Amino acid sequence: MDYDEMLDRGLEETPEIQGDSERFDVTDPEVRQEGNVSVFENFQTVCSDLGREDDHVMKFLQDELGTSGHIDESGRARLTGSFDADRIGEAIDEYADEYVLCSECGLPDTRLDKEQGAVILRCEACGARSATSG
C-alpha cells in the first residue's frame, strides 16, 4: 500500500466532528450600578457556561476593562467603574474566543492545560493545541 492509498484510507476512517459552535451559548451578563462599582450579578452562571474557573475569567475581565475588582461572598463580580452589560458582554465574547473556542474547529470542547509555564488550549473534539496569552 503506497502513501496515497494509506492517506485515502485514513481520511475515510476519520469520523466527522458532529456539532458546531452554535450549541455554545453563554448567558447574557446582568449588570447593575452600585455607586462607582459595576456589579456583575450572574457572574457564576457565565463562568459555568464558559466552563472556566471564576478567578481566570475575573482576571481577564480586569485586564480587558482596565479596572480592579473582586468576587464577593455571593459569587458576584464587583468591578470598579461604570461598565454596562454590553461592554462586559463584549469582554466575555473576547474571553470565549481566546480561552474557550477551538481555533481549528470552532467547538467549545476545550480545556486549559499548563505546559512548561505556558497556558495551552487543548481541544477534546479535534485534538488541536494552541498557545493562549495566559
Protein backbone atom coordinates (compact mmCIF):
# COMPACT_ATOMS: atom_id res chain seq x y z
CA MET A 1 0.00 0.00 0.00
CA ASP A 2 1.53 3.34 -1.01
CA TYR A 3 1.27 6.66 0.79
CA ASP A 4 -1.72 7.99 -1.19
CA GLU A 5 -3.73 4.82 -0.55
CA MET A 6 -2.92 4.97 3.17
CA LEU A 7 -3.91 8.65 3.26
CA ASP A 8 -7.20 7.95 1.49
CA ARG A 9 -7.92 5.08 3.87
CA GLY A 10 -7.12 7.24 6.88
CA LEU A 11 -9.42 10.02 5.69
CA GLU A 12 -12.25 7.54 5.06
CA GLU A 13 -11.93 6.14 8.56
CA THR A 14 -11.72 9.51 10.30
CA PRO A 15 -15.04 10.30 11.98
CA GLU A 16 -16.75 13.56 11.17
CA ILE A 17 -16.87 16.02 14.05
CA GLN A 18 -20.51 16.43 14.92
CA GLY A 19 -21.93 19.71 16.11
CA ASP A 20 -20.79 23.27 15.82
CA SER A 21 -20.17 26.31 17.96
CA GLU A 22 -23.88 27.22 17.68
CA ARG A 23 -24.55 24.88 20.61
CA PHE A 24 -22.24 27.09 22.68
CA ASP A 25 -24.44 29.64 24.39
CA VAL A 26 -23.30 31.99 27.14
CA THR A 27 -25.88 33.71 29.32
CA ASP A 28 -26.04 37.47 28.80
CA PRO A 29 -24.46 39.39 31.69
CA GLU A 30 -26.78 41.04 34.19
CA VAL A 31 -25.09 44.21 35.40
CA ARG A 32 -26.22 46.94 37.76
CA GLN A 33 -24.52 50.02 39.13
CA GLU A 34 -23.88 50.38 42.83
CA GLY A 35 -22.16 53.70 43.40
CA ASN A 36 -18.89 53.63 41.48
CA VAL A 37 -18.98 49.82 41.18
CA SER A 38 -20.49 47.68 38.43
CA VAL A 39 -21.98 44.51 39.92
CA PHE A 40 -21.99 41.54 37.53
CA GLU A 41 -24.90 39.65 39.14
CA ASN A 42 -24.80 36.37 37.19
CA PHE A 43 -21.00 36.06 37.04
CA GLN A 44 -21.01 32.46 38.35
CA THR A 45 -23.57 31.39 35.75
CA VAL A 46 -21.48 32.89 32.93
CA CYS A 47 -18.33 31.17 34.26
CA SER A 48 -20.25 27.89 34.35
CA ASP A 49 -21.44 28.43 30.75
CA LEU A 50 -17.83 29.07 29.72
CA GLY A 51 -16.61 26.03 31.68
CA ARG A 52 -13.76 28.01 33.22
CA GLU A 53 -12.55 28.94 36.71
CA ASP A 54 -14.08 32.17 38.02
CA ASP A 55 -10.66 33.54 39.05
CA HIS A 56 -9.37 33.16 35.48
CA VAL A 57 -12.43 34.89 33.99
CA MET A 58 -12.20 37.65 36.61
CA LYS A 59 -8.53 38.32 35.86
CA PHE A 60 -9.32 38.55 32.14
CA LEU A 61 -12.20 40.99 32.80
CA GLN A 62 -9.97 43.19 34.94
CA ASP A 63 -7.27 43.26 32.25
CA GLU A 64 -9.73 43.77 29.40
CA LEU A 65 -11.70 46.52 31.13
CA GLY A 66 -8.65 48.15 32.70
CA THR A 67 -10.04 48.11 36.20
CA SER A 68 -9.80 46.36 39.53
CA GLY A 69 -12.41 44.17 41.10
CA HIS A 70 -13.14 41.12 43.18
CA ILE A 71 -15.60 38.29 43.56
CA ASP A 72 -17.84 38.85 46.58
CA GLU A 73 -19.14 36.22 49.01
CA SER A 74 -22.28 35.78 46.87
CA GLY A 75 -20.23 34.94 43.78
CA ARG A 76 -20.89 38.23 42.01
CA ALA A 77 -18.10 40.10 40.27
CA ARG A 78 -17.68 43.63 41.56
CA LEU A 79 -15.78 45.81 39.09
CA THR A 80 -14.62 49.33 39.96
CA GLY A 81 -16.04 51.81 37.46
CA SER A 82 -19.10 52.11 35.28
CA PHE A 83 -19.48 49.25 32.80
CA ASP A 84 -22.75 48.36 31.12
CA ALA A 85 -23.90 44.86 30.19
CA ASP A 86 -22.93 45.38 26.54
CA ARG A 87 -19.29 46.21 27.38
CA ILE A 88 -18.99 43.27 29.78
CA GLY A 89 -20.68 41.04 27.17
CA GLU A 90 -18.08 42.09 24.59
CA ALA A 91 -15.29 41.20 27.04
CA ILE A 92 -16.91 37.80 27.71
CA ASP A 93 -17.09 37.18 23.94
CA GLU A 94 -13.38 38.01 23.64
CA TYR A 95 -12.65 35.63 26.53
CA ALA A 96 -14.57 32.85 24.78
CA ASP A 97 -12.64 33.43 21.54
CA GLU A 98 -9.29 33.33 23.36
CA TYR A 99 -9.86 30.67 26.04
CA VAL A 100 -12.89 28.52 25.13
CA LEU A 101 -13.49 28.10 21.39
CA CYS A 102 -11.02 25.97 19.43
CA SER A 103 -9.16 27.99 16.80
CA GLU A 104 -9.19 24.99 14.42
CA CYS A 105 -12.72 23.56 14.58
CA GLY A 106 -14.58 26.31 16.47
CA LEU A 107 -16.06 23.94 19.04
CA PRO A 108 -16.19 24.74 22.76
CA ASP A 109 -14.96 21.28 23.79
CA THR A 110 -11.68 22.58 25.15
CA ARG A 111 -9.69 22.68 28.35
CA LEU A 112 -6.80 24.80 29.55
CA ASP A 113 -3.55 22.98 30.31
CA LYS A 114 -0.26 24.33 31.55
CA GLU A 115 2.87 23.11 29.79
CA GLN A 116 6.31 24.45 30.64
CA GLY A 117 4.79 27.61 32.11
CA ALA A 118 2.60 28.33 29.07
CA VAL A 119 -1.18 28.04 29.02
CA ILE A 120 -2.33 25.76 26.19
CA LEU A 121 -5.88 25.47 24.87
CA ARG A 122 -6.44 21.78 24.09
CA CYS A 123 -9.45 20.73 22.02
CA GLU A 124 -11.11 17.49 23.05
CA ALA A 125 -13.03 17.29 19.75
CA CYS A 126 -10.28 17.63 17.14
CA GLY A 127 -7.10 17.32 19.21
CA ALA A 128 -5.74 20.75 18.26
CA ARG A 129 -3.49 22.58 20.68
CA SER A 130 -2.83 26.30 20.67
CA ALA A 131 -1.00 28.68 22.96
CA THR A 132 -3.00 31.40 24.67
CA SER A 133 -1.84 34.73 26.05
CA GLY A 134 -2.04 33.40 29.57
